[in-house]
Amino acid sequence: MRNGAAATLSLSELMSSSWLYRMRGVVRFIPRSPRCKLCNVPFAGPGRVFRLAGFGQSRKNPNMCTACFERAPVGGEEIEVGVLFADVRGYTALVESASPEEAATLWRRSTEQPVTC
């Protein structure tokens, strides 16, 4: 910060000062996959030694290491969803002998017709 104002950094300056970016550059030379999608640490082969430092494959998200998953920001969105469960009498017996295309056509026809109660 200079003169009380926040200093603006370019993306390249920000990435070069990040430990994650530097780590990705180093571990990319270790030959093995699969890897963490964020820090690029390999989960197999010689990369198994990273488990000792907490960079093993996460059980919650197998595409990330444990350290990156725990540091990742919480994401997602809460939305309202309506779900309709319908039990169509005799549908299973009807489509068992039909091809998948015929069953899809039959289902599409039955859902397009308006229901009167």
PDB file of N, CA and C in Angstrom:
ATOM      1  N   MET A   1       0.841  -1.177   0.000  1.00  0.00           N
ATOM      2  CA  MET A   1       0.000   0.000   0.000  1.00  0.00           C
ATOM      3  C   MET A   1       0.883   1.235   0.000  1.00  0.00           C
ATOM      4  N   ARG A   2       0.500   2.165  -0.833  1.00  0.00           N
ATOM      5  CA  ARG A   2       1.228   3.424  -0.882  1.00  0.00           C
ATOM      6  C   ARG A   2       0.284   4.568  -0.557  1.00  0.00           C
ATOM      7  N   ASN A   3       0.716   5.456   0.306  1.00  0.00           N
ATOM      8  CA  ASN A   3      -0.046   6.652   0.680  1.00  0.00           C
ATOM      9  C   ASN A   3      -1.466   6.328   1.159  1.00  0.00           C
ATOM     10  N   GLY A   4      -1.621   5.235   1.845  1.00  0.00           N
ATOM     11  CA  GLY A   4      -2.916   4.863   2.408  1.00  0.00           C
ATOM     12  C   GLY A   4      -3.872   4.251   1.407  1.00  0.00           C
ATOM     13  N   ALA A   5      -3.541   4.188   0.149  1.00  0.00           N
ATOM     14  CA  ALA A   5      -4.414   3.604  -0.873  1.00  0.00           C
ATOM     15  C   ALA A   5      -3.934   2.191  -1.178  1.00  0.00           C
ATOM     16  N   ALA A   6      -4.854   1.347  -1.518  1.00  0.00           N
ATOM     17  CA  ALA A   6      -4.508  -0.031  -1.854  1.00  0.00           C
ATOM     18  C   ALA A   6      -3.806  -0.056  -3.196  1.00  0.00           C
ATOM     19  N   ALA A   7      -2.691  -0.758  -3.252  1.00  0.00           N
ATOM     20  CA  ALA A   7      -1.944  -0.858  -4.502  1.00  0.00           C
ATOM     21  C   ALA A   7      -2.649  -1.849  -5.412  1.00  0.00           C
ATOM     22  N   THR A   8      -2.759  -1.502  -6.683  1.00  0.00           N
ATOM     23  CA  THR A   8      -3.386  -2.415  -7.631  1.00  0.00           C
ATOM     24  C   THR A   8      -2.303  -3.246  -8.293  1.00  0.00           C
ATOM     25  N   LEU A   9      -2.567  -4.526  -8.389  1.00  0.00           N
ATOM     26  CA  LEU A   9      -1.620  -5.455  -8.990  1.00  0.00           C
ATOM     27  C   LEU A   9      -2.218  -6.017 -10.261  1.00  0.00           C
ATOM     28  N   SER A  10      -1.370  -6.228 -11.237  1.00  0.00           N
ATOM     29  CA  SER A  10      -1.849  -6.898 -12.442  1.00  0.00           C
ATOM     30  C   SER A  10      -2.005  -8.379 -12.130  1.00  0.00           C
ATOM     31  N   LEU A  11      -2.691  -9.088 -13.015  1.00  0.00           N
ATOM     32  CA  LEU A  11      -2.911 -10.509 -12.797  1.00  0.00           C
ATOM     33  C   LEU A  11      -1.586 -11.268 -12.745  1.00  0.00           C
ATOM     34  N   SER A  12      -0.657 -10.918 -13.610  1.00  0.00           N
ATOM     35  CA  SER A  12       0.630 -11.623 -13.615  1.00  0.00           C
ATOM     36  C   SER A  12       1.411 -11.350 -12.333  1.00  0.00           C
ATOM     37  N   GLU A  13       1.343 -10.119 -11.809  1.00  0.00           N
ATOM     38  CA  GLU A  13       2.014  -9.806 -10.543  1.00  0.00           C
ATOM     39  C   GLU A  13       1.365 -10.553  -9.383  1.00  0.00           C
ATOM     40  N   LEU A  14       0.038 -10.622  -9.420  1.00  0.00           N
ATOM     41  CA  LEU A  14      -0.685 -11.332  -8.361  1.00  0.00           C
ATOM     42  C   LEU A  14      -0.358 -12.819  -8.377  1.00  0.00           C
ATOM     43  N   MET A  15      -0.339 -13.414  -9.575  1.00  0.00           N
ATOM     44  CA  MET A  15      -0.056 -14.840  -9.687  1.00  0.00           C
ATOM     45  C   MET A  15       1.391 -15.158  -9.316  1.00  0.00           C
ATOM     46  N   SER A  16       2.320 -14.294  -9.692  1.00  0.00           N
ATOM     47  CA  SER A  16       3.724 -14.584  -9.391  1.00  0.00           C
ATOM     48  C   SER A  16       4.026 -14.442  -7.903  1.00  0.00           C
ATOM     49  N   SER A  17       3.210 -13.679  -7.181  1.00  0.00           N
ATOM     50  CA  SER A  17       3.430 -13.536  -5.739  1.00  0.00           C
ATOM     51  C   SER A  17       2.684 -14.597  -4.934  1.00  0.00           C
ATOM     52  N   SER A  18       1.892 -15.411  -5.591  1.00  0.00           N
ATOM     53  CA  SER A  18       1.094 -16.430  -4.917  1.00  0.00           C
ATOM     54  C   SER A  18       1.911 -17.709  -4.710  1.00  0.00           C
ATOM     55  N   TRP A  19       1.839 -18.286  -3.501  1.00  0.00           N
ATOM     56  CA  TRP A  19       2.551 -19.536  -3.227  1.00  0.00           C
ATOM     57  C   TRP A  19       1.962 -20.669  -4.055  1.00  0.00           C
ATOM     58  N   LEU A  20       0.660 -20.602  -4.346  1.00  0.00           N
ATOM     59  CA  LEU A  20       0.009 -21.648  -5.126  1.00  0.00           C
ATOM     60  C   LEU A  20       0.553 -21.672  -6.555  1.00  0.00           C
ATOM     61  N   TYR A  21       0.738 -20.509  -7.130  1.00  0.00           N
ATOM     62  CA  TYR A  21       1.273 -20.411  -8.490  1.00  0.00           C
ATOM     63  C   TYR A  21       2.704 -20.929  -8.543  1.00  0.00           C
ATOM     64  N   ARG A  22       3.515 -20.559  -7.556  1.00  0.00           N
ATOM     65  CA  ARG A  22       4.892 -21.045  -7.527  1.00  0.00           C
ATOM     66  C   ARG A  22       4.933 -22.558  -7.340  1.00  0.00           C
ATOM     67  N   MET A  23       4.052 -23.086  -6.498  1.00  0.00           N
ATOM     68  CA  MET A  23       4.020 -24.526  -6.253  1.00  0.00           C
ATOM     69  C   MET A  23       3.607 -25.281  -7.519  1.00  0.00           C
ATOM     70  N   ARG A  24       2.627 -24.747  -8.255  1.00  0.00           N
ATOM     71  CA  ARG A  24       2.213 -25.383  -9.513  1.00  0.00           C
ATOM     72  C   ARG A  24       3.387 -25.488 -10.477  1.00  0.00           C
ATOM     73  N   GLY A  25       4.205 -24.440 -10.525  1.00  0.00           N
ATOM     74  CA  GLY A  25       5.356 -24.444 -11.421  1.00  0.00           C
ATOM     75  C   GLY A  25       6.382 -25.497 -11.058  1.00  0.00           C
ATOM     76  N   VAL A  26       6.526 -25.780  -9.790  1.00  0.00           N
ATOM     77  CA  VAL A  26       7.518 -26.760  -9.332  1.00  0.00           C
ATOM     78  C   VAL A  26       7.011 -28.184  -9.512  1.00  0.00           C
ATOM     79  N   VAL A  27       5.780 -28.465  -9.094  1.00  0.00           N
ATOM     80  CA  VAL A  27       5.291 -29.847  -9.104  1.00  0.00           C
ATOM     81  C   VAL A  27       4.862 -30.324 -10.486  1.00  0.00           C
ATOM     82  N   ARG A  28       4.764 -29.442 -11.460  1.00  0.00           N
ATOM     83  CA  ARG A  28       4.376 -29.894 -12.799  1.00  0.00           C
ATOM     84  C   ARG A  28       5.431 -30.790 -13.422  1.00  0.00           C
ATOM     85  N   PHE A  29       6.656 -30.742 -12.905  1.00  0.00           N
ATOM     86  CA  PHE A  29       7.722 -31.575 -13.437  1.00  0.00           C
ATOM     87  C   PHE A  29       7.713 -32.988 -12.857  1.00  0.00           C
ATOM     88  N   ILE A  30       6.889 -33.241 -11.850  1.00  0.00           N
ATOM     89  CA  ILE A  30       6.769 -34.590 -11.283  1.00  0.00           C
ATOM     90  C   ILE A  30       5.810 -35.367 -12.177  1.00  0.00           C
ATOM     91  N   PRO A  31       6.275 -36.420 -12.835  1.00  0.00           N
ATOM     92  CA  PRO A  31       5.432 -37.120 -13.808  1.00  0.00           C
ATOM     93  C   PRO A  31       4.448 -38.086 -13.155  1.00  0.00           C
ATOM     94  N   ARG A  32       3.187 -37.736 -13.131  1.00  0.00           N
ATOM     95  CA  ARG A  32       2.160 -38.651 -12.668  1.00  0.00           C
ATOM     96  C   ARG A  32       0.814 -37.954 -12.697  1.00  0.00           C
ATOM     97  N   SER A  33      -0.223 -38.688 -12.959  1.00  0.00           N
ATOM     98  CA  SER A  33      -1.579 -38.159 -12.848  1.00  0.00           C
ATOM     99  C   SER A  33      -2.401 -39.223 -12.121  1.00  0.00           C
ATOM    100  N   PRO A  34      -3.484 -38.922 -11.502  1.00  0.00           N
ATOM    101  CA  PRO A  34      -4.233 -37.665 -11.493  1.00  0.00           C
ATOM    102  C   PRO A  34      -3.583 -36.625 -10.586  1.00  0.00           C
ATOM    103  N   ARG A  35      -4.000 -35.377 -10.781  1.00  0.00           N
ATOM    104  CA  ARG A  35      -3.441 -34.253 -10.034  1.00  0.00           C
ATOM    105  C   ARG A  35      -4.545 -33.395  -9.450  1.00  0.00           C
ATOM    106  N   CYS A  36      -4.184 -32.603  -8.454  1.00  0.00           N
ATOM    107  CA  CYS A  36      -5.098 -31.616  -7.890  1.00  0.00           C
ATOM    108  C   CYS A  36      -5.347 -30.551  -8.951  1.00  0.00           C
ATOM    109  N   LYS A  37      -6.590 -30.156  -9.130  1.00  0.00           N
ATOM    110  CA  LYS A  37      -6.931 -29.171 -10.150  1.00  0.00           C
ATOM    111  C   LYS A  37      -6.458 -27.767  -9.791  1.00  0.00           C
ATOM    112  N   LEU A  38      -6.164 -27.510  -8.523  1.00  0.00           N
ATOM    113  CA  LEU A  38      -5.717 -26.179  -8.128  1.00  0.00           C
ATOM    114  C   LEU A  38      -4.205 -26.071  -8.019  1.00  0.00           C
ATOM    115  N   CYS A  39      -3.600 -26.933  -7.217  1.00  0.00           N
ATOM    116  CA  CYS A  39      -2.156 -26.785  -6.972  1.00  0.00           C
ATOM    117  C   CYS A  39      -1.300 -27.719  -7.822  1.00  0.00           C
ATOM    118  N   ASN A  40      -1.939 -28.626  -8.587  1.00  0.00           N
ATOM    119  CA  ASN A  40      -1.237 -29.496  -9.527  1.00  0.00           C
ATOM    120  C   ASN A  40      -0.405 -30.591  -8.862  1.00  0.00           C
ATOM    121  N   VAL A  41      -0.596 -30.853  -7.584  1.00  0.00           N
ATOM    122  CA  VAL A  41       0.146 -31.905  -6.885  1.00  0.00           C
ATOM    123  C   VAL A  41      -0.340 -33.268  -7.372  1.00  0.00           C
ATOM    124  N   PRO A  42       0.569 -34.161  -7.780  1.00  0.00           N
ATOM    125  CA  PRO A  42       0.146 -35.502  -8.202  1.00  0.00           C
ATOM    126  C   PRO A  42      -0.242 -36.356  -6.992  1.00  0.00           C
ATOM    127  N   PHE A  43      -1.242 -37.206  -7.183  1.00  0.00           N
ATOM    128  CA  PHE A  43      -1.726 -38.057  -6.098  1.00  0.00           C
ATOM    129  C   PHE A  43      -1.074 -39.434  -6.095  1.00  0.00           C
ATOM    130  N   ALA A  44      -0.387 -39.799  -7.158  1.00  0.00           N
ATOM    131  CA  ALA A  44       0.213 -41.132  -7.248  1.00  0.00           C
ATOM    132  C   ALA A  44       1.687 -41.010  -7.621  1.00  0.00           C
ATOM    133  N   GLY A  45       2.356 -42.122  -7.643  1.00  0.00           N
ATOM    134  CA  GLY A  45       3.778 -42.132  -8.004  1.00  0.00           C
ATOM    135  C   GLY A  45       4.614 -41.386  -6.976  1.00  0.00           C
ATOM    136  N   PRO A  46       5.622 -40.647  -7.427  1.00  0.00           N
ATOM    137  CA  PRO A  46       6.471 -39.914  -6.485  1.00  0.00           C
ATOM    138  C   PRO A  46       5.714 -38.814  -5.745  1.00  0.00           C
ATOM    139  N   GLY A  47       4.561 -38.408  -6.273  1.00  0.00           N
ATOM    140  CA  GLY A  47       3.770 -37.365  -5.625  1.00  0.00           C
ATOM    141  C   GLY A  47       3.114 -37.797  -4.330  1.00  0.00           C
ATOM    142  N   ARG A  48       3.174 -39.095  -4.021  1.00  0.00           N
ATOM    143  CA  ARG A  48       2.585 -39.582  -2.763  1.00  0.00           C
ATOM    144  C   ARG A  48       3.239 -38.982  -1.530  1.00  0.00           C
ATOM    145  N   VAL A  49       4.465 -38.504  -1.658  1.00  0.00           N
ATOM    146  CA  VAL A  49       5.143 -37.908  -0.500  1.00  0.00           C
ATOM    147  C   VAL A  49       4.444 -36.624  -0.057  1.00  0.00           C
ATOM    148  N   PHE A  50       3.682 -35.996  -0.940  1.00  0.00           N
ATOM    149  CA  PHE A  50       2.959 -34.774  -0.579  1.00  0.00           C
ATOM    150  C   PHE A  50       1.827 -35.040   0.417  1.00  0.00           C
ATOM    151  N   ARG A  51       1.408 -36.308   0.533  1.00  0.00           N
ATOM    152  CA  ARG A  51       0.380 -36.662   1.525  1.00  0.00           C
ATOM    153  C   ARG A  51       0.841 -36.340   2.934  1.00  0.00           C
ATOM    154  N   LEU A  52       2.134 -36.488   3.177  1.00  0.00           N
ATOM    155  CA  LEU A  52       2.672 -36.212   4.512  1.00  0.00           C
ATOM    156  C   LEU A  52       2.488 -34.749   4.901  1.00  0.00           C
ATOM    157  N   ALA A  53       2.432 -33.861   3.912  1.00  0.00           N
ATOM    158  CA  ALA A  53       2.257 -32.434   4.178  1.00  0.00           C
ATOM    159  C   ALA A  53       0.798 -32.003   4.059  1.00  0.00           C
ATOM    160  N   GLY A  54      -0.135 -32.967   3.924  1.00  0.00           N
ATOM    161  CA  GLY A  54      -1.555 -32.638   3.848  1.00  0.00           C
ATOM    162  C   GLY A  54      -2.072 -32.391   2.450  1.00  0.00           C
ATOM    163  N   PHE A  55      -1.319 -32.815   1.430  1.00  0.00           N
ATOM    164  CA  PHE A  55      -1.734 -32.610   0.049  1.00  0.00           C
ATOM    165  C   PHE A  55      -2.213 -33.908  -0.596  1.00  0.00           C
ATOM    166  N   GLY A  56      -2.742 -34.824   0.198  1.00  0.00           N
ATOM    167  CA  GLY A  56      -3.277 -36.067  -0.353  1.00  0.00           C
ATOM    168  C   GLY A  56      -4.620 -35.819  -1.003  1.00  0.00           C
ATOM    169  N   GLN A  57      -5.102 -36.781  -1.777  1.00  0.00           N
ATOM    170  CA  GLN A  57      -6.375 -36.654  -2.471  1.00  0.00           C
ATOM    171  C   GLN A  57      -7.517 -36.528  -1.465  1.00  0.00           C
ATOM    172  N   SER A  58      -8.365 -35.536  -1.656  1.00  0.00           N
ATOM    173  CA  SER A  58      -9.474 -35.284  -0.740  1.00  0.00           C
ATOM    174  C   SER A  58     -10.537 -36.362  -0.875  1.00  0.00           C
ATOM    175  N   ARG A  59     -11.113 -36.791   0.249  1.00  0.00           N
ATOM    176  CA  ARG A  59     -12.206 -37.747   0.204  1.00  0.00           C
ATOM    177  C   ARG A  59     -13.519 -37.060  -0.171  1.00  0.00           C
ATOM    178  N   LYS A  60     -13.603 -35.757   0.071  1.00  0.00           N
ATOM    179  CA  LYS A  60     -14.827 -35.011  -0.240  1.00  0.00           C
ATOM    180  C   LYS A  60     -14.914 -34.659  -1.722  1.00  0.00           C
ATOM    181  N   ASN A  61     -13.779 -34.330  -2.337  1.00  0.00           N
ATOM    182  CA  ASN A  61     -13.719 -34.000  -3.762  1.00  0.00           C
ATOM    183  C   ASN A  61     -12.446 -34.613  -4.327  1.00  0.00           C
ATOM    184  N   PRO A  62     -12.542 -35.717  -5.043  1.00  0.00           N
ATOM    185  CA  PRO A  62     -11.342 -36.411  -5.508  1.00  0.00           C
ATOM    186  C   PRO A  62     -10.555 -35.654  -6.572  1.00  0.00           C
ATOM    187  N   ASN A  63     -11.065 -34.518  -7.069  1.00  0.00           N
ATOM    188  CA  ASN A  63     -10.328 -33.718  -8.048  1.00  0.00           C
ATOM    189  C   ASN A  63      -9.392 -32.716  -7.388  1.00  0.00           C
ATOM    190  N   MET A  64      -9.421 -32.619  -6.064  1.00  0.00           N
ATOM    191  CA  MET A  64      -8.601 -31.647  -5.342  1.00  0.00           C
ATOM    192  C   MET A  64      -7.866 -32.336  -4.208  1.00  0.00           C
ATOM    193  N   CYS A  65      -6.766 -31.723  -3.783  1.00  0.00           N
ATOM    194  CA  CYS A  65      -6.068 -32.254  -2.613  1.00  0.00           C
ATOM    195  C   CYS A  65      -6.766 -31.725  -1.355  1.00  0.00           C
ATOM    196  N   THR A  66      -6.487 -32.338  -0.235  1.00  0.00           N
ATOM    197  CA  THR A  66      -7.134 -31.971   1.019  1.00  0.00           C
ATOM    198  C   THR A  66      -6.851 -30.525   1.391  1.00  0.00           C
ATOM    199  N   ALA A  67      -5.614 -30.067   1.217  1.00  0.00           N
ATOM    200  CA  ALA A  67      -5.252 -28.697   1.588  1.00  0.00           C
ATOM    201  C   ALA A  67      -6.013 -27.680   0.751  1.00  0.00           C
ATOM    202  N   CYS A  68      -6.108 -27.884  -0.558  1.00  0.00           N
ATOM    203  CA  CYS A  68      -6.821 -26.936  -1.424  1.00  0.00           C
ATOM    204  C   CYS A  68      -8.316 -26.967  -1.163  1.00  0.00           C
ATOM    205  N   PHE A  69      -8.875 -28.147  -0.908  1.00  0.00           N
ATOM    206  CA  PHE A  69     -10.312 -28.240  -0.669  1.00  0.00           C
ATOM    207  C   PHE A  69     -10.698 -27.511   0.608  1.00  0.00           C
ATOM    208  N   GLU A  70      -9.896 -27.632   1.648  1.00  0.00           N
ATOM    209  CA  GLU A  70     -10.213 -26.957   2.908  1.00  0.00           C
ATOM    210  C   GLU A  70     -10.046 -25.443   2.798  1.00  0.00           C
ATOM    211  N   ARG A  71      -9.172 -24.969   1.924  1.00  0.00           N
ATOM    212  CA  ARG A  71      -8.944 -23.524   1.759  1.00  0.00           C
ATOM    213  C   ARG A  71      -9.862 -22.901   0.710  1.00  0.00           C
ATOM    214  N   ALA A  72     -10.536 -23.721  -0.082  1.00  0.00           N
ATOM    215  CA  ALA A  72     -11.379 -23.202  -1.163  1.00  0.00           C
ATOM    216  C   ALA A  72     -12.584 -22.470  -0.577  1.00  0.00           C
ATOM    217  N   PRO A  73     -13.037 -21.405  -1.246  1.00  0.00           N
ATOM    218  CA  PRO A  73     -14.204 -20.681  -0.745  1.00  0.00           C
ATOM    219  C   PRO A  73     -15.471 -21.518  -0.884  1.00  0.00           C
ATOM    220  N   VAL A  74     -16.412 -21.265  -0.012  1.00  0.00           N
ATOM    221  CA  VAL A  74     -17.688 -21.966  -0.064  1.00  0.00           C
ATOM    222  C   VAL A  74     -18.440 -21.450  -1.283  1.00  0.00           C
ATOM    223  N   GLY A  75     -18.979 -22.334  -2.054  1.00  0.00           N
ATOM    224  CA  GLY A  75     -19.689 -21.926  -3.265  1.00  0.00           C
ATOM    225  C   GLY A  75     -21.065 -22.536  -3.313  1.00  0.00           C
ATOM    226  N   GLY A  76     -21.692 -22.360  -4.414  1.00  0.00           N
ATOM    227  CA  GLY A  76     -23.017 -22.910  -4.604  1.00  0.00           C
ATOM    228  C   GLY A  76     -24.080 -21.849  -4.463  1.00  0.00           C
ATOM    229  N   GLU A  77     -25.304 -22.273  -4.637  1.00  0.00           N
ATOM    230  CA  GLU A  77     -26.414 -21.351  -4.579  1.00  0.00           C
ATOM    231  C   GLU A  77     -27.633 -22.096  -4.074  1.00  0.00           C
ATOM    232  N   GLU A  78     -28.405 -21.420  -3.239  1.00  0.00           N
ATOM    233  CA  GLU A  78     -29.649 -22.006  -2.765  1.00  0.00           C
ATOM    234  C   GLU A  78     -30.779 -21.527  -3.663  1.00  0.00           C
ATOM    235  N   ILE A  79     -31.516 -22.484  -4.226  1.00  0.00           N
ATOM    236  CA  ILE A  79     -32.649 -22.148  -5.079  1.00  0.00           C
ATOM    237  C   ILE A  79     -33.831 -23.026  -4.708  1.00  0.00           C
ATOM    238  N   GLU A  80     -35.018 -22.542  -5.011  1.00  0.00           N
ATOM    239  CA  GLU A  80     -36.217 -23.349  -4.776  1.00  0.00           C
ATOM    240  C   GLU A  80     -36.448 -24.227  -5.993  1.00  0.00           C
ATOM    241  N   VAL A  81     -36.774 -25.488  -5.737  1.00  0.00           N
ATOM    242  CA  VAL A  81     -36.981 -26.444  -6.807  1.00  0.00           C
ATOM    243  C   VAL A  81     -38.283 -27.180  -6.551  1.00  0.00           C
ATOM    244  N   GLY A  82     -39.055 -27.357  -7.590  1.00  0.00           N
ATOM    245  CA  GLY A  82     -40.266 -28.168  -7.505  1.00  0.00           C
ATOM    246  C   GLY A  82     -40.023 -29.506  -8.170  1.00  0.00           C
ATOM    247  N   VAL A  83     -40.387 -30.580  -7.502  1.00  0.00           N
ATOM    248  CA  VAL A  83     -40.157 -31.922  -8.033  1.00  0.00           C
ATOM    249  C   VAL A  83     -41.478 -32.675  -8.034  1.00  0.00           C
ATOM    250  N   LEU A  84     -41.781 -33.326  -9.136  1.00  0.00           N
ATOM    251  CA  LEU A  84     -42.997 -34.123  -9.247  1.00  0.00           C
ATOM    252  C   LEU A  84     -42.610 -35.584  -9.396  1.00  0.00           C
ATOM    253  N   PHE A  85     -43.098 -36.403  -8.492  1.00  0.00           N
ATOM    254  CA  PHE A  85     -42.917 -37.845  -8.588  1.00  0.00           C
ATOM    255  C   PHE A  85     -44.236 -38.430  -9.053  1.00  0.00           C
ATOM    256  N   ALA A  86     -44.208 -39.167 -10.137  1.00  0.00           N
ATOM    257  CA  ALA A  86     -45.435 -39.744 -10.670  1.00  0.00           C
ATOM    258  C   ALA A  86     -45.269 -41.256 -10.804  1.00  0.00           C
ATOM    259  N   ASP A  87     -46.287 -41.971 -10.388  1.00  0.00           N
ATOM    260  CA  ASP A  87     -46.306 -43.423 -10.530  1.00  0.00           C
ATOM    261  C   ASP A  87     -47.378 -43.738 -11.563  1.00  0.00           C
ATOM    262  N   VAL A  88     -46.954 -44.114 -12.756  1.00  0.00           N
ATOM    263  CA  VAL A  88     -47.890 -44.402 -13.838  1.00  0.00           C
ATOM    264  C   VAL A  88     -48.208 -45.893 -13.783  1.00  0.00           C
ATOM    265  N   ARG A  89     -49.466 -46.202 -13.548  1.00  0.00           N
ATOM    266  CA  ARG A  89     -49.890 -47.590 -13.389  1.00  0.00           C
ATOM    267  C   ARG A  89     -49.684 -48.357 -14.696  1.00  0.00           C
ATOM    268  N   GLY A  90     -48.987 -49.479 -14.634  1.00  0.00           N
ATOM    269  CA  GLY A  90     -48.774 -50.352 -15.782  1.00  0.00           C
ATOM    270  C   GLY A  90     -47.673 -49.907 -16.729  1.00  0.00           C
ATOM    271  N   TYR A  91     -46.939 -48.843 -16.394  1.00  0.00           N
ATOM    272  CA  TYR A  91     -45.916 -48.317 -17.300  1.00  0.00           C
ATOM    273  C   TYR A  91     -44.754 -49.297 -17.468  1.00  0.00           C
ATOM    274  N   THR A  92     -44.317 -49.912 -16.390  1.00  0.00           N
ATOM    275  CA  THR A  92     -43.183 -50.843 -16.463  1.00  0.00           C
ATOM    276  C   THR A  92     -43.505 -52.021 -17.367  1.00  0.00           C
ATOM    277  N   ALA A  93     -44.670 -52.600 -17.193  1.00  0.00           N
ATOM    278  CA  ALA A  93     -45.065 -53.740 -18.024  1.00  0.00           C
ATOM    279  C   ALA A  93     -45.207 -53.319 -19.490  1.00  0.00           C
ATOM    280  N   LEU A  94     -45.655 -52.098 -19.718  1.00  0.00           N
ATOM    281  CA  LEU A  94     -45.855 -51.606 -21.076  1.00  0.00           C
ATOM    282  C   LEU A  94     -44.528 -51.396 -21.805  1.00  0.00           C
ATOM    283  N   VAL A  95     -43.529 -50.832 -21.125  1.00  0.00           N
ATOM    284  CA  VAL A  95     -42.270 -50.502 -21.806  1.00  0.00           C
ATOM    285  C   VAL A  95     -41.229 -51.605 -21.747  1.00  0.00           C
ATOM    286  N   GLU A  96     -41.480 -52.671 -20.998  1.00  0.00           N
ATOM    287  CA  GLU A  96     -40.507 -53.770 -20.952  1.00  0.00           C
ATOM    288  C   GLU A  96     -40.295 -54.393 -22.325  1.00  0.00           C
ATOM    289  N   SER A  97     -41.349 -54.462 -23.112  1.00  0.00           N
ATOM    290  CA  SER A  97     -41.232 -55.078 -24.437  1.00  0.00           C
ATOM    291  C   SER A  97     -40.969 -54.054 -25.536  1.00  0.00           C
ATOM    292  N   ALA A  98     -40.957 -52.767 -25.202  1.00  0.00           N
ATOM    293  CA  ALA A  98     -40.743 -51.714 -26.206  1.00  0.00           C
ATOM    294  C   ALA A  98     -39.266 -51.347 -26.297  1.00  0.00           C
ATOM    295  N   SER A  99     -38.885 -50.778 -27.427  1.00  0.00           N
ATOM    296  CA  SER A  99     -37.517 -50.279 -27.581  1.00  0.00           C
ATOM    297  C   SER A  99     -37.391 -48.961 -26.811  1.00  0.00           C
ATOM    298  N   PRO A 100     -36.172 -48.524 -26.518  1.00  0.00           N
ATOM    299  CA  PRO A 100     -36.013 -47.251 -25.803  1.00  0.00           C
ATOM    300  C   PRO A 100     -36.644 -46.072 -26.542  1.00  0.00           C
ATOM    301  N   GLU A 101     -36.563 -46.060 -27.873  1.00  0.00           N
ATOM    302  CA  GLU A 101     -37.149 -44.979 -28.657  1.00  0.00           C
ATOM    303  C   GLU A 101     -38.673 -44.974 -28.528  1.00  0.00           C
ATOM    304  N   GLU A 102     -39.283 -46.172 -28.598  1.00  0.00           N
ATOM    305  CA  GLU A 102     -40.745 -46.276 -28.457  1.00  0.00           C
ATOM    306  C   GLU A 102     -41.185 -45.847 -27.061  1.00  0.00           C
ATOM    307  N   ALA A 103     -40.416 -46.229 -26.048  1.00  0.00           N
ATOM    308  CA  ALA A 103     -40.771 -45.855 -24.668  1.00  0.00           C
ATOM    309  C   ALA A 103     -40.669 -44.344 -24.490  1.00  0.00           C
ATOM    310  N   ALA A 104     -39.642 -43.726 -25.072  1.00  0.00           N
ATOM    311  CA  ALA A 104     -39.491 -42.279 -24.969  1.00  0.00           C
ATOM    312  C   ALA A 104     -40.621 -41.561 -25.683  1.00  0.00           C
ATOM    313  N   THR A 105     -41.011 -42.060 -26.867  1.00  0.00           N
ATOM    314  CA  THR A 105     -42.116 -41.457 -27.618  1.00  0.00           C
ATOM    315  C   THR A 105     -43.417 -41.571 -26.832  1.00  0.00           C
ATOM    316  N   LEU A 106     -43.668 -42.722 -26.258  1.00  0.00           N
ATOM    317  CA  LEU A 106     -44.875 -42.934 -25.460  1.00  0.00           C
ATOM    318  C   LEU A 106     -44.900 -42.004 -24.250  1.00  0.00           C
ATOM    319  N   TRP A 107     -43.756 -41.871 -23.565  1.00  0.00           N
ATOM    320  CA  TRP A 107     -43.677 -40.989 -22.384  1.00  0.00           C
ATOM    321  C   TRP A 107     -43.886 -39.533 -22.790  1.00  0.00           C
ATOM    322  N   ARG A 108     -43.272 -39.125 -23.904  1.00  0.00           N
ATOM    323  CA  ARG A 108     -43.415 -37.743 -24.376  1.00  0.00           C
ATOM    324  C   ARG A 108     -44.870 -37.431 -24.718  1.00  0.00           C
ATOM    325  N   ARG A 109     -45.533 -38.378 -25.394  1.00  0.00           N
ATOM    326  CA  ARG A 109     -46.945 -38.168 -25.744  1.00  0.00           C
ATOM    327  C   ARG A 109     -47.815 -38.043 -24.506  1.00  0.00           C
ATOM    328  N   SER A 110     -47.538 -38.849 -23.496  1.00  0.00           N
ATOM    329  CA  SER A 110     -48.384 -38.830 -22.297  1.00  0.00           C
ATOM    330  C   SER A 110     -48.155 -37.568 -21.454  1.00  0.00           C
ATOM    331  N   THR A 111     -46.964 -36.967 -21.513  1.00  0.00           N
ATOM    332  CA  THR A 111     -46.722 -35.757 -20.730  1.00  0.00           C
ATOM    333  C   THR A 111     -47.144 -34.497 -21.455  1.00  0.00           C
ATOM    334  N   GLU A 112     -47.332 -34.561 -22.772  1.00  0.00           N
ATOM    335  CA  GLU A 112     -47.753 -33.381 -23.521  1.00  0.00           C
ATOM    336  C   GLU A 112     -49.251 -33.133 -23.425  1.00  0.00           C
ATOM    337  N   GLN A 113     -50.026 -34.174 -23.146  1.00  0.00           N
ATOM    338  CA  GLN A 113     -51.482 -34.021 -23.089  1.00  0.00           C
ATOM    339  C   GLN A 113     -51.874 -33.392 -21.754  1.00  0.00           C
ATOM    340  N   PRO A 114     -52.758 -32.387 -21.774  1.00  0.00           N
ATOM    341  CA  PRO A 114     -53.196 -31.778 -20.519  1.00  0.00           C
ATOM    342  C   PRO A 114     -54.038 -32.744 -19.690  1.00  0.00           C
ATOM    343  N   VAL A 115     -53.862 -32.670 -18.403  1.00  0.00           N
ATOM    344  CA  VAL A 115     -54.591 -33.554 -17.488  1.00  0.00           C
ATOM    345  C   VAL A 115     -55.789 -32.786 -16.949  1.00  0.00           C
ATOM    346  N   THR A 116     -56.933 -33.404 -17.008  1.00  0.00           N
ATOM    347  CA  THR A 116     -58.143 -32.795 -16.450  1.00  0.00           C
ATOM    348  C   THR A 116     -58.537 -33.567 -15.202  1.00  0.00           C
ATOM    349  N   CYS A 117     -58.853 -32.849 -14.177  1.00  0.00           N
ATOM    350  CA  CYS A 117     -59.244 -33.504 -12.923  1.00  0.00           C
ATOM    351  C   CYS A 117     -60.683 -33.225 -12.607  1.00  0.00           C
TER     352      CYS A 117
END
